[in-house]
Amino acid sequence: MRTVSDMLAFAVTDGMLHFELTATYEIFTAPQLDYEVMFCGNASVRVGRFTLEPDLPLDRLDRAETVVVPAIEDVDEPLDLELVQAVRAAYDKGARIVSLCTGAFVLAEAGLLDGLRATTHWGHTDELARRYPRVEVDPDVLYVDNGQVLTSAGKAAAIDLSLHVIRNDYGAATANTAARRLVVPPHRDGGQAQFVLAPVPSGEGHPLTELFDWVSARFDQMITVEDMARQASMSSRHLARLFRAVTGTTPLQWLHTQRIRRAQELLEMTDDSVDQIAEASGMGTATTLRRHFHRTVGVPPDTYRRTFRPVGGK
């Protein structure tokens, strides 16, 4: 654990997202911590709708013990090569590098993620994997800690990773105090899913709209692929082709995902027992629901409910 003040530097450039930067800055400057927090960047930088004046130039980044790379607003824009080089130089001097959300693209460009497991916002994981094939991209976790290099998924996961860093540096009690100050869960394990499941495609105009509505009204019933094909007045093979085109998955996997999604909604919005939710979502028994829920979401139903249930219940 850390006992002396360490420099924690945000590596900033134009076009970074405001939320991830300011939320994590608020965490790392909590009064019970002893980080020397600095912004390193070349000249004034645009962060969302605001302008930030860095404390130090980018070439001073290699003096930091921890470097935080905030999220980039547009990953399709060319990366700031001075930023990439500065992050690489800090890494080479032994700094711990922490990326938030799409900041992982900077780390990947610097070669810091080659051969490592990493994550980013679920909406950009395919692009990260395509652009950097040597990176083992995991779209189904909140954050990944590789020791010297850490990456997080989007928005709230950046807070989770920041608290994880504090926990490693100062211990669980200090991390929990920082979490209470922000009124956020003190610990969500990095290995759990980003809690984003495939929704029912919205809008009308595709041939499965009525079938989706029919299924959604019958999650508490036993439904087979043959039942779905019969309801849609088509063969099971043709149904499978349409499902692949509309949802990107098979009818059975889609149905399974929607049952889990229904269970999530009931865990968040009702006081129903796990047995009742298992029946209402078509999982049959609490044992079956727990097994499939944990496998799909990454945490047991009870843990999910404690994390996502609104304060005060319904």
C-alpha atoms as a PDB file:
ATOM      1  CA  MET A   1       0.000   0.000   0.000  1.00  0.00           C
ATOM      2  CA  ARG A   2       1.108   3.548  -0.628  1.00  0.00           C
ATOM      3  CA  THR A   3       2.381   5.594   2.282  1.00  0.00           C
ATOM      4  CA  VAL A   4       3.849   8.633   0.489  1.00  0.00           C
ATOM      5  CA  SER A   5       2.477  11.087  -2.033  1.00  0.00           C
ATOM      6  CA  ASP A   6       2.715   9.729  -5.573  1.00  0.00           C
ATOM      7  CA  MET A   7       2.117  11.745  -8.698  1.00  0.00           C
ATOM      8  CA  LEU A   8      -1.007  10.639 -10.529  1.00  0.00           C
ATOM      9  CA  ALA A   9      -1.178  12.356 -13.906  1.00  0.00           C
ATOM     10  CA  PHE A  10      -4.087  12.632 -16.304  1.00  0.00           C
ATOM     11  CA  ALA A  11      -2.743  12.528 -19.869  1.00  0.00           C
ATOM     12  CA  VAL A  12      -5.020  14.949 -21.698  1.00  0.00           C
ATOM     13  CA  THR A  13      -5.504  16.102 -25.257  1.00  0.00           C
ATOM     14  CA  ASP A  14      -8.285  17.672 -27.339  1.00  0.00           C
ATOM     15  CA  GLY A  15     -11.483  15.668 -27.710  1.00  0.00           C
ATOM     16  CA  MET A  16     -11.593  13.737 -24.450  1.00  0.00           C
ATOM     17  CA  LEU A  17     -14.896  13.001 -22.761  1.00  0.00           C
ATOM     18  CA  HIS A  18     -15.891  15.155 -19.829  1.00  0.00           C
ATOM     19  CA  PHE A  19     -17.636  12.577 -17.627  1.00  0.00           C
ATOM     20  CA  GLU A  20     -14.857  10.008 -17.307  1.00  0.00           C
ATOM     21  CA  LEU A  21     -12.214  12.664 -16.716  1.00  0.00           C
ATOM     22  CA  THR A  22     -14.066  14.725 -14.116  1.00  0.00           C
ATOM     23  CA  ALA A  23     -15.597  11.754 -12.290  1.00  0.00           C
ATOM     24  CA  THR A  24     -12.264  10.034 -11.820  1.00  0.00           C
ATOM     25  CA  TYR A  25     -10.549  13.334 -10.963  1.00  0.00           C
ATOM     26  CA  GLU A  26     -13.121  13.735  -8.182  1.00  0.00           C
ATOM     27  CA  ILE A  27     -12.306  10.226  -6.933  1.00  0.00           C
ATOM     28  CA  PHE A  28      -8.523  10.571  -6.968  1.00  0.00           C
ATOM     29  CA  THR A  29      -8.589  13.959  -5.221  1.00  0.00           C
ATOM     30  CA  ALA A  30     -10.676  12.695  -2.293  1.00  0.00           C
ATOM     31  CA  PRO A  31      -9.377  14.168   0.975  1.00  0.00           C
ATOM     32  CA  GLN A  32      -8.395  10.818   2.484  1.00  0.00           C
ATOM     33  CA  LEU A  33      -6.000  10.102  -0.407  1.00  0.00           C
ATOM     34  CA  ASP A  34      -2.460  11.340  -0.852  1.00  0.00           C
ATOM     35  CA  TYR A  35      -2.054  11.404  -4.622  1.00  0.00           C
ATOM     36  CA  GLU A  36      -0.422  14.464  -6.175  1.00  0.00           C
ATOM     37  CA  VAL A  37      -2.908  14.842  -9.037  1.00  0.00           C
ATOM     38  CA  MET A  38      -1.751  16.680 -12.156  1.00  0.00           C
ATOM     39  CA  PHE A  39      -2.969  17.264 -15.709  1.00  0.00           C
ATOM     40  CA  CYS A  40      -0.321  16.786 -18.377  1.00  0.00           C
ATOM     41  CA  GLY A  41      -0.984  18.163 -21.851  1.00  0.00           C
ATOM     42  CA  ASN A  42       0.417  20.472 -24.476  1.00  0.00           C
ATOM     43  CA  ALA A  43      -1.298  23.893 -24.300  1.00  0.00           C
ATOM     44  CA  SER A  44      -5.020  24.286 -23.592  1.00  0.00           C
ATOM     45  CA  VAL A  45      -7.120  21.227 -24.386  1.00  0.00           C
ATOM     46  CA  ARG A  46     -10.803  20.843 -25.193  1.00  0.00           C
ATOM     47  CA  VAL A  47     -12.705  18.476 -22.917  1.00  0.00           C
ATOM     48  CA  GLY A  48     -16.332  18.253 -23.964  1.00  0.00           C
ATOM     49  CA  ARG A  49     -17.637  21.821 -23.928  1.00  0.00           C
ATOM     50  CA  PHE A  50     -14.912  23.005 -21.557  1.00  0.00           C
ATOM     51  CA  THR A  51     -11.306  24.123 -21.878  1.00  0.00           C
ATOM     52  CA  LEU A  52      -8.691  22.679 -19.535  1.00  0.00           C
ATOM     53  CA  GLU A  53      -5.352  24.273 -18.710  1.00  0.00           C
ATOM     54  CA  PRO A  54      -2.812  21.492 -17.992  1.00  0.00           C
ATOM     55  CA  ASP A  55      -0.426  21.767 -15.048  1.00  0.00           C
ATOM     56  CA  LEU A  56       2.505  20.247 -16.929  1.00  0.00           C
ATOM     57  CA  PRO A  57       3.470  19.497 -20.537  1.00  0.00           C
ATOM     58  CA  LEU A  58       3.173  15.979 -21.891  1.00  0.00           C
ATOM     59  CA  ASP A  59       6.918  15.379 -21.735  1.00  0.00           C
ATOM     60  CA  ARG A  60       6.642  15.503 -17.933  1.00  0.00           C
ATOM     61  CA  LEU A  61       4.238  12.574 -17.938  1.00  0.00           C
ATOM     62  CA  ASP A  62       7.113  10.143 -17.379  1.00  0.00           C
ATOM     63  CA  ARG A  63       7.579  11.557 -13.871  1.00  0.00           C
ATOM     64  CA  ALA A  64       4.261  10.113 -12.735  1.00  0.00           C
ATOM     65  CA  GLU A  65       3.854   6.875 -10.844  1.00  0.00           C
ATOM     66  CA  THR A  66       0.338   6.478 -12.279  1.00  0.00           C
ATOM     67  CA  VAL A  67      -0.905   7.774 -15.637  1.00  0.00           C
ATOM     68  CA  VAL A  68      -4.636   7.971 -16.335  1.00  0.00           C
ATOM     69  CA  VAL A  69      -5.728   8.153 -19.983  1.00  0.00           C
ATOM     70  CA  PRO A  70      -9.341   9.417 -20.154  1.00  0.00           C
ATOM     71  CA  ALA A  71     -11.881   8.425 -22.801  1.00  0.00           C
ATOM     72  CA  ILE A  72     -11.573   9.744 -26.347  1.00  0.00           C
ATOM     73  CA  GLU A  73     -14.710  11.221 -27.853  1.00  0.00           C
ATOM     74  CA  ASP A  74     -14.152  10.057 -31.452  1.00  0.00           C
ATOM     75  CA  VAL A  75     -12.032   6.941 -31.954  1.00  0.00           C
ATOM     76  CA  ASP A  76     -12.286   7.395 -35.740  1.00  0.00           C
ATOM     77  CA  GLU A  77     -10.223  10.586 -35.565  1.00  0.00           C
ATOM     78  CA  PRO A  78      -6.416  10.208 -35.771  1.00  0.00           C
ATOM     79  CA  LEU A  79      -4.892   9.734 -32.338  1.00  0.00           C
ATOM     80  CA  ASP A  80      -2.637  12.413 -30.876  1.00  0.00           C
ATOM     81  CA  LEU A  81       0.800  10.898 -31.535  1.00  0.00           C
ATOM     82  CA  GLU A  82       2.467  13.125 -28.938  1.00  0.00           C
ATOM     83  CA  LEU A  83       0.043  11.726 -26.377  1.00  0.00           C
ATOM     84  CA  VAL A  84       0.714   8.148 -27.515  1.00  0.00           C
ATOM     85  CA  GLN A  85       4.475   8.646 -27.307  1.00  0.00           C
ATOM     86  CA  ALA A  86       4.263  10.316 -23.890  1.00  0.00           C
ATOM     87  CA  VAL A  87       2.174   7.449 -22.493  1.00  0.00           C
ATOM     88  CA  ARG A  88       4.663   4.949 -23.905  1.00  0.00           C
ATOM     89  CA  ALA A  89       7.588   6.837 -22.361  1.00  0.00           C
ATOM     90  CA  ALA A  90       5.874   6.873 -18.967  1.00  0.00           C
ATOM     91  CA  TYR A  91       5.251   3.135 -19.235  1.00  0.00           C
ATOM     92  CA  ASP A  92       8.885   2.486 -20.135  1.00  0.00           C
ATOM     93  CA  LYS A  93       9.932   4.332 -16.983  1.00  0.00           C
ATOM     94  CA  GLY A  94       7.709   2.074 -14.891  1.00  0.00           C
ATOM     95  CA  ALA A  95       4.501   4.079 -14.548  1.00  0.00           C
ATOM     96  CA  ARG A  96       1.221   2.272 -14.022  1.00  0.00           C
ATOM     97  CA  ILE A  97      -1.026   3.094 -16.997  1.00  0.00           C
ATOM     98  CA  VAL A  98      -4.807   3.250 -16.470  1.00  0.00           C
ATOM     99  CA  SER A  99      -7.146   3.784 -19.405  1.00  0.00           C
ATOM    100  CA  LEU A 100     -10.791   4.775 -19.083  1.00  0.00           C
ATOM    101  CA  CYS A 101     -13.281   3.600 -21.696  1.00  0.00           C
ATOM    102  CA  THR A 102     -11.958   4.437 -25.195  1.00  0.00           C
ATOM    103  CA  GLY A 103      -8.639   5.592 -23.746  1.00  0.00           C
ATOM    104  CA  ALA A 104      -7.700   1.962 -24.428  1.00  0.00           C
ATOM    105  CA  PHE A 105      -7.129   2.955 -28.060  1.00  0.00           C
ATOM    106  CA  VAL A 106      -4.205   5.140 -26.942  1.00  0.00           C
ATOM    107  CA  LEU A 107      -2.684   2.256 -24.995  1.00  0.00           C
ATOM    108  CA  ALA A 108      -3.161  -0.100 -27.932  1.00  0.00           C
ATOM    109  CA  GLU A 109      -1.573   2.377 -30.330  1.00  0.00           C
ATOM    110  CA  ALA A 110       1.396   2.640 -27.960  1.00  0.00           C
ATOM    111  CA  GLY A 111       1.781  -1.136 -28.054  1.00  0.00           C
ATOM    112  CA  LEU A 112       1.044  -1.525 -24.358  1.00  0.00           C
ATOM    113  CA  LEU A 113      -1.808  -3.993 -24.862  1.00  0.00           C
ATOM    114  CA  ASP A 114      -0.077  -6.382 -27.262  1.00  0.00           C
ATOM    115  CA  GLY A 115      -0.609  -9.940 -26.042  1.00  0.00           C
ATOM    116  CA  LEU A 116      -2.736  -8.747 -23.132  1.00  0.00           C
ATOM    117  CA  ARG A 117      -6.402  -9.016 -22.260  1.00  0.00           C
ATOM    118  CA  ALA A 118      -8.106  -5.611 -22.323  1.00  0.00           C
ATOM    119  CA  THR A 119     -11.512  -3.993 -22.540  1.00  0.00           C
ATOM    120  CA  THR A 120     -13.214  -0.769 -23.534  1.00  0.00           C
ATOM    121  CA  HIS A 121     -16.800   0.451 -23.910  1.00  0.00           C
ATOM    122  CA  TRP A 122     -18.871  -2.402 -25.353  1.00  0.00           C
ATOM    123  CA  GLY A 123     -19.824  -0.261 -28.349  1.00  0.00           C
ATOM    124  CA  HIS A 124     -16.158  -0.029 -29.417  1.00  0.00           C
ATOM    125  CA  THR A 125     -14.783  -3.469 -28.583  1.00  0.00           C
ATOM    126  CA  ASP A 126     -15.180  -4.770 -32.145  1.00  0.00           C
ATOM    127  CA  GLU A 127     -13.277  -1.791 -33.547  1.00  0.00           C
ATOM    128  CA  LEU A 128     -10.518  -2.134 -30.962  1.00  0.00           C
ATOM    129  CA  ALA A 129     -10.127  -5.808 -31.847  1.00  0.00           C
ATOM    130  CA  ARG A 130     -10.182  -5.106 -35.580  1.00  0.00           C
ATOM    131  CA  ARG A 131      -7.674  -2.286 -35.409  1.00  0.00           C
ATOM    132  CA  TYR A 132      -5.306  -4.006 -32.969  1.00  0.00           C
ATOM    133  CA  PRO A 133      -5.431  -7.767 -33.611  1.00  0.00           C
ATOM    134  CA  ARG A 134      -2.639  -8.495 -31.112  1.00  0.00           C
ATOM    135  CA  VAL A 135      -4.878  -7.323 -28.267  1.00  0.00           C
ATOM    136  CA  GLU A 136      -7.150  -9.881 -26.597  1.00  0.00           C
ATOM    137  CA  VAL A 137     -10.289  -7.759 -26.349  1.00  0.00           C
ATOM    138  CA  ASP A 138     -12.862  -8.859 -23.769  1.00  0.00           C
ATOM    139  CA  PRO A 139     -16.202  -7.068 -24.273  1.00  0.00           C
ATOM    140  CA  ASP A 140     -17.893  -8.692 -21.279  1.00  0.00           C
ATOM    141  CA  VAL A 141     -16.051  -7.249 -18.261  1.00  0.00           C
ATOM    142  CA  LEU A 142     -15.997  -3.969 -16.363  1.00  0.00           C
ATOM    143  CA  TYR A 143     -12.241  -3.684 -16.192  1.00  0.00           C
ATOM    144  CA  VAL A 144      -9.029  -5.673 -16.615  1.00  0.00           C
ATOM    145  CA  ASP A 145      -5.998  -5.377 -14.325  1.00  0.00           C
ATOM    146  CA  ASN A 146      -2.776  -6.605 -15.916  1.00  0.00           C
ATOM    147  CA  GLY A 147      -0.572  -5.143 -13.197  1.00  0.00           C
ATOM    148  CA  GLN A 148       1.188  -2.249 -14.903  1.00  0.00           C
ATOM    149  CA  VAL A 149      -1.583  -1.766 -17.462  1.00  0.00           C
ATOM    150  CA  LEU A 150      -5.280  -1.485 -16.598  1.00  0.00           C
ATOM    151  CA  THR A 151      -8.273  -0.866 -18.869  1.00  0.00           C
ATOM    152  CA  SER A 152     -11.944  -0.200 -18.150  1.00  0.00           C
ATOM    153  CA  ALA A 153     -15.243  -0.268 -19.966  1.00  0.00           C
ATOM    154  CA  GLY A 154     -17.337   2.897 -20.272  1.00  0.00           C
ATOM    155  CA  LYS A 155     -18.817   5.486 -17.901  1.00  0.00           C
ATOM    156  CA  ALA A 156     -19.530   3.831 -14.531  1.00  0.00           C
ATOM    157  CA  ALA A 157     -16.856   1.184 -15.135  1.00  0.00           C
ATOM    158  CA  ALA A 158     -14.259   3.975 -15.103  1.00  0.00           C
ATOM    159  CA  ILE A 159     -15.371   4.703 -11.547  1.00  0.00           C
ATOM    160  CA  ASP A 160     -15.138   0.993 -10.706  1.00  0.00           C
ATOM    161  CA  LEU A 161     -11.570   0.826 -11.974  1.00  0.00           C
ATOM    162  CA  SER A 162     -10.599   4.007 -10.125  1.00  0.00           C
ATOM    163  CA  LEU A 163     -11.892   2.546  -6.861  1.00  0.00           C
ATOM    164  CA  HIS A 164     -10.037  -0.677  -7.653  1.00  0.00           C
ATOM    165  CA  VAL A 165      -6.798   1.325  -8.002  1.00  0.00           C
ATOM    166  CA  ILE A 166      -7.450   3.049  -4.669  1.00  0.00           C
ATOM    167  CA  ARG A 167      -8.197  -0.285  -3.041  1.00  0.00           C
ATOM    168  CA  ASN A 168      -4.865  -1.646  -4.235  1.00  0.00           C
ATOM    169  CA  ASP A 169      -2.988   1.461  -3.099  1.00  0.00           C
ATOM    170  CA  TYR A 170      -4.678   2.308   0.204  1.00  0.00           C
ATOM    171  CA  GLY A 171      -6.809  -0.698   1.156  1.00  0.00           C
ATOM    172  CA  ALA A 172     -10.488  -1.581   1.156  1.00  0.00           C
ATOM    173  CA  ALA A 173     -11.491   0.747   4.000  1.00  0.00           C
ATOM    174  CA  THR A 174     -10.192   3.834   2.207  1.00  0.00           C
ATOM    175  CA  ALA A 175     -11.742   2.739  -1.095  1.00  0.00           C
ATOM    176  CA  ASN A 176     -15.073   2.203   0.640  1.00  0.00           C
ATOM    177  CA  THR A 177     -14.902   5.683   2.172  1.00  0.00           C
ATOM    178  CA  ALA A 178     -14.227   7.184  -1.254  1.00  0.00           C
ATOM    179  CA  ALA A 179     -17.172   5.248  -2.677  1.00  0.00           C
ATOM    180  CA  ARG A 180     -19.537   6.420   0.063  1.00  0.00           C
ATOM    181  CA  ARG A 181     -18.511  10.008  -0.634  1.00  0.00           C
ATOM    182  CA  LEU A 182     -19.664   9.536  -4.229  1.00  0.00           C
ATOM    183  CA  VAL A 183     -22.673   7.380  -3.272  1.00  0.00           C
ATOM    184  CA  VAL A 184     -21.573   4.524  -5.544  1.00  0.00           C
ATOM    185  CA  PRO A 185     -21.127   0.774  -4.894  1.00  0.00           C
ATOM    186  CA  PRO A 186     -17.761   0.290  -3.129  1.00  0.00           C
ATOM    187  CA  HIS A 187     -16.751  -2.747  -5.144  1.00  0.00           C
ATOM    188  CA  ARG A 188     -17.894  -4.269  -8.394  1.00  0.00           C
ATOM    189  CA  ASP A 189     -15.537  -7.015  -9.468  1.00  0.00           C
ATOM    190  CA  GLY A 190     -13.867  -6.364 -12.814  1.00  0.00           C
ATOM    191  CA  GLY A 191     -14.774  -9.801 -14.095  1.00  0.00           C
ATOM    192  CA  GLN A 192     -18.485  -9.205 -14.085  1.00  0.00           C
ATOM    193  CA  ALA A 193     -20.297  -8.290 -17.259  1.00  0.00           C
ATOM    194  CA  GLN A 194     -20.919  -4.749 -18.481  1.00  0.00           C
ATOM    195  CA  PHE A 195     -24.621  -5.488 -17.826  1.00  0.00           C
ATOM    196  CA  VAL A 196     -25.626  -4.762 -21.399  1.00  0.00           C
ATOM    197  CA  LEU A 197     -27.736  -7.469 -22.971  1.00  0.00           C
ATOM    198  CA  ALA A 198     -29.127  -7.468 -26.505  1.00  0.00           C
ATOM    199  CA  PRO A 199     -32.499  -5.684 -26.437  1.00  0.00           C
ATOM    200  CA  VAL A 200     -35.443  -6.342 -28.672  1.00  0.00           C
ATOM    201  CA  PRO A 201     -34.707  -4.424 -31.902  1.00  0.00           C
ATOM    202  CA  SER A 202     -36.832  -1.299 -31.827  1.00  0.00           C
ATOM    203  CA  GLY A 203     -39.179   0.032 -34.420  1.00  0.00           C
ATOM    204  CA  GLU A 204     -41.349  -1.692 -36.948  1.00  0.00           C
ATOM    205  CA  GLY A 205     -40.802  -2.720 -40.509  1.00  0.00           C
ATOM    206  CA  HIS A 206     -38.939  -6.016 -40.169  1.00  0.00           C
ATOM    207  CA  PRO A 207     -40.691  -9.401 -40.418  1.00  0.00           C
ATOM    208  CA  LEU A 208     -40.057 -10.402 -36.798  1.00  0.00           C
ATOM    209  CA  THR A 209     -41.703  -7.449 -35.037  1.00  0.00           C
ATOM    210  CA  GLU A 210     -44.953  -9.273 -34.254  1.00  0.00           C
ATOM    211  CA  LEU A 211     -43.070 -12.393 -33.181  1.00  0.00           C
ATOM    212  CA  PHE A 212     -40.950 -10.401 -30.736  1.00  0.00           C
ATOM    213  CA  ASP A 213     -44.117  -8.960 -29.195  1.00  0.00           C
ATOM    214  CA  TRP A 214     -45.672 -12.417 -28.998  1.00  0.00           C
ATOM    215  CA  VAL A 215     -42.646 -13.898 -27.242  1.00  0.00           C
ATOM    216  CA  SER A 216     -42.273 -10.937 -24.875  1.00  0.00           C
ATOM    217  CA  ALA A 217     -45.798 -11.508 -23.584  1.00  0.00           C
ATOM    218  CA  ARG A 218     -45.055 -15.195 -22.844  1.00  0.00           C
ATOM    219  CA  PHE A 219     -41.712 -15.334 -21.047  1.00  0.00           C
ATOM    220  CA  ASP A 220     -43.373 -17.315 -18.242  1.00  0.00           C
ATOM    221  CA  GLN A 221     -44.252 -20.095 -20.697  1.00  0.00           C
ATOM    222  CA  MET A 222     -42.251 -22.868 -22.297  1.00  0.00           C
ATOM    223  CA  ILE A 223     -41.438 -21.685 -25.839  1.00  0.00           C
ATOM    224  CA  THR A 224     -39.470 -23.660 -28.393  1.00  0.00           C
ATOM    225  CA  VAL A 225     -37.913 -22.570 -31.668  1.00  0.00           C
ATOM    226  CA  GLU A 226     -40.606 -24.610 -33.406  1.00  0.00           C
ATOM    227  CA  ASP A 227     -43.287 -22.653 -31.530  1.00  0.00           C
ATOM    228  CA  MET A 228     -41.706 -19.417 -32.706  1.00  0.00           C
ATOM    229  CA  ALA A 229     -41.476 -20.613 -36.296  1.00  0.00           C
ATOM    230  CA  ARG A 230     -45.099 -21.729 -36.250  1.00  0.00           C
ATOM    231  CA  GLN A 231     -46.208 -18.378 -34.841  1.00  0.00           C
ATOM    232  CA  ALA A 232     -44.237 -16.577 -37.576  1.00  0.00           C
ATOM    233  CA  SER A 233     -45.703 -18.900 -40.253  1.00  0.00           C
ATOM    234  CA  MET A 234     -42.312 -19.988 -41.567  1.00  0.00           C
ATOM    235  CA  SER A 235     -39.927 -22.912 -41.342  1.00  0.00           C
ATOM    236  CA  SER A 236     -37.411 -23.155 -38.514  1.00  0.00           C
ATOM    237  CA  ARG A 237     -34.590 -22.814 -41.035  1.00  0.00           C
ATOM    238  CA  HIS A 238     -36.032 -19.632 -42.537  1.00  0.00           C
ATOM    239  CA  LEU A 239     -36.644 -18.247 -39.039  1.00  0.00           C
ATOM    240  CA  ALA A 240     -33.005 -18.876 -38.158  1.00  0.00           C
ATOM    241  CA  ARG A 241     -31.837 -16.950 -41.236  1.00  0.00           C
ATOM    242  CA  LEU A 242     -34.094 -13.998 -40.405  1.00  0.00           C
ATOM    243  CA  PHE A 243     -32.970 -13.956 -36.784  1.00  0.00           C
ATOM    244  CA  ARG A 244     -29.352 -13.892 -37.835  1.00  0.00           C
ATOM    245  CA  ALA A 245     -30.050 -10.967 -40.157  1.00  0.00           C
ATOM    246  CA  VAL A 246     -32.102  -8.947 -37.642  1.00  0.00           C
ATOM    247  CA  THR A 247     -30.452  -9.776 -34.295  1.00  0.00           C
ATOM    248  CA  GLY A 248     -27.097 -11.254 -35.220  1.00  0.00           C
ATOM    249  CA  THR A 249     -27.820 -14.411 -33.257  1.00  0.00           C
ATOM    250  CA  THR A 250     -29.944 -17.568 -33.269  1.00  0.00           C
ATOM    251  CA  PRO A 251     -33.605 -17.768 -32.150  1.00  0.00           C
ATOM    252  CA  LEU A 252     -32.666 -19.924 -29.141  1.00  0.00           C
ATOM    253  CA  GLN A 253     -29.866 -17.644 -27.988  1.00  0.00           C
ATOM    254  CA  TRP A 254     -32.055 -14.579 -28.497  1.00  0.00           C
ATOM    255  CA  LEU A 255     -34.814 -16.156 -26.407  1.00  0.00           C
ATOM    256  CA  HIS A 256     -32.335 -17.062 -23.674  1.00  0.00           C
ATOM    257  CA  THR A 257     -30.968 -13.503 -23.636  1.00  0.00           C
ATOM    258  CA  GLN A 258     -34.456 -12.016 -23.414  1.00  0.00           C
ATOM    259  CA  ARG A 259     -35.303 -14.286 -20.481  1.00  0.00           C
ATOM    260  CA  ILE A 260     -32.188 -13.098 -18.651  1.00  0.00           C
ATOM    261  CA  ARG A 261     -33.064  -9.506 -19.537  1.00  0.00           C
ATOM    262  CA  ARG A 262     -36.562 -10.004 -18.121  1.00  0.00           C
ATOM    263  CA  ALA A 263     -35.037 -11.422 -14.939  1.00  0.00           C
ATOM    264  CA  GLN A 264     -32.824  -8.328 -14.676  1.00  0.00           C
ATOM    265  CA  GLU A 265     -35.851  -6.051 -14.929  1.00  0.00           C
ATOM    266  CA  LEU A 266     -37.711  -7.968 -12.219  1.00  0.00           C
ATOM    267  CA  LEU A 267     -34.674  -7.956  -9.924  1.00  0.00           C
ATOM    268  CA  GLU A 268     -34.408  -4.195 -10.319  1.00  0.00           C
ATOM    269  CA  MET A 269     -38.081  -3.265 -10.117  1.00  0.00           C
ATOM    270  CA  THR A 270     -39.828  -5.793  -7.843  1.00  0.00           C
ATOM    271  CA  ASP A 271     -39.533  -7.493  -4.446  1.00  0.00           C
ATOM    272  CA  ASP A 272     -40.250 -10.888  -6.004  1.00  0.00           C
ATOM    273  CA  SER A 273     -38.163 -13.793  -4.762  1.00  0.00           C
ATOM    274  CA  VAL A 274     -35.623 -15.463  -7.031  1.00  0.00           C
ATOM    275  CA  ASP A 275     -38.029 -18.427  -7.303  1.00  0.00           C
ATOM    276  CA  GLN A 276     -40.830 -16.138  -8.495  1.00  0.00           C
ATOM    277  CA  ILE A 277     -38.535 -14.391 -10.954  1.00  0.00           C
ATOM    278  CA  ALA A 278     -37.296 -17.723 -12.288  1.00  0.00           C
ATOM    279  CA  GLU A 279     -40.889 -18.710 -13.025  1.00  0.00           C
ATOM    280  CA  ALA A 280     -41.849 -15.332 -14.514  1.00  0.00           C
ATOM    281  CA  SER A 281     -38.823 -15.264 -16.813  1.00  0.00           C
ATOM    282  CA  GLY A 282     -39.270 -18.827 -17.998  1.00  0.00           C
ATOM    283  CA  MET A 283     -36.194 -20.210 -16.249  1.00  0.00           C
ATOM    284  CA  GLY A 284     -38.270 -22.660 -14.242  1.00  0.00           C
ATOM    285  CA  THR A 285     -36.358 -22.928 -10.971  1.00  0.00           C
ATOM    286  CA  ALA A 286     -34.184 -20.627  -8.897  1.00  0.00           C
ATOM    287  CA  THR A 287     -31.266 -23.028  -9.375  1.00  0.00           C
ATOM    288  CA  THR A 288     -31.555 -22.816 -13.163  1.00  0.00           C
ATOM    289  CA  LEU A 289     -31.898 -19.033 -13.084  1.00  0.00           C
ATOM    290  CA  ARG A 290     -28.874 -18.631 -10.821  1.00  0.00           C
ATOM    291  CA  ARG A 291     -26.739 -20.841 -13.049  1.00  0.00           C
ATOM    292  CA  HIS A 292     -27.647 -19.122 -16.320  1.00  0.00           C
ATOM    293  CA  PHE A 293     -27.771 -15.609 -14.832  1.00  0.00           C
ATOM    294  CA  HIS A 294     -24.299 -15.932 -13.340  1.00  0.00           C
ATOM    295  CA  ARG A 295     -22.912 -17.360 -16.565  1.00  0.00           C
ATOM    296  CA  THR A 296     -24.448 -14.604 -18.721  1.00  0.00           C
ATOM    297  CA  VAL A 297     -24.260 -11.521 -16.495  1.00  0.00           C
ATOM    298  CA  GLY A 298     -21.213 -12.451 -14.447  1.00  0.00           C
ATOM    299  CA  VAL A 299     -22.740 -12.170 -10.964  1.00  0.00           C
ATOM    300  CA  PRO A 300     -25.518 -14.034  -9.082  1.00  0.00           C
ATOM    301  CA  PRO A 301     -29.057 -12.586  -9.131  1.00  0.00           C
ATOM    302  CA  ASP A 302     -28.865 -11.455  -5.493  1.00  0.00           C
ATOM    303  CA  THR A 303     -25.643  -9.532  -6.131  1.00  0.00           C
ATOM    304  CA  TYR A 304     -27.138  -7.931  -9.223  1.00  0.00           C
ATOM    305  CA  ARG A 305     -30.190  -6.825  -7.247  1.00  0.00           C
ATOM    306  CA  ARG A 306     -28.075  -5.231  -4.502  1.00  0.00           C
ATOM    307  CA  THR A 307     -26.039  -3.335  -7.083  1.00  0.00           C
ATOM    308  CA  PHE A 308     -28.838  -2.070  -9.313  1.00  0.00           C
ATOM    309  CA  ARG A 309     -31.910  -1.859  -7.105  1.00  0.00           C
ATOM    310  CA  PRO A 310     -32.956   1.787  -6.707  1.00  0.00           C
ATOM    311  CA  VAL A 311     -32.623   3.157  -3.189  1.00  0.00           C
ATOM    312  CA  GLY A 312     -35.893   2.668  -1.359  1.00  0.00           C
ATOM    313  CA  GLY A 313     -37.098  -0.260  -3.453  1.00  0.00           C
ATOM    314  CA  LYS A 314     -39.591   0.222  -6.272  1.00  0.00           C
END
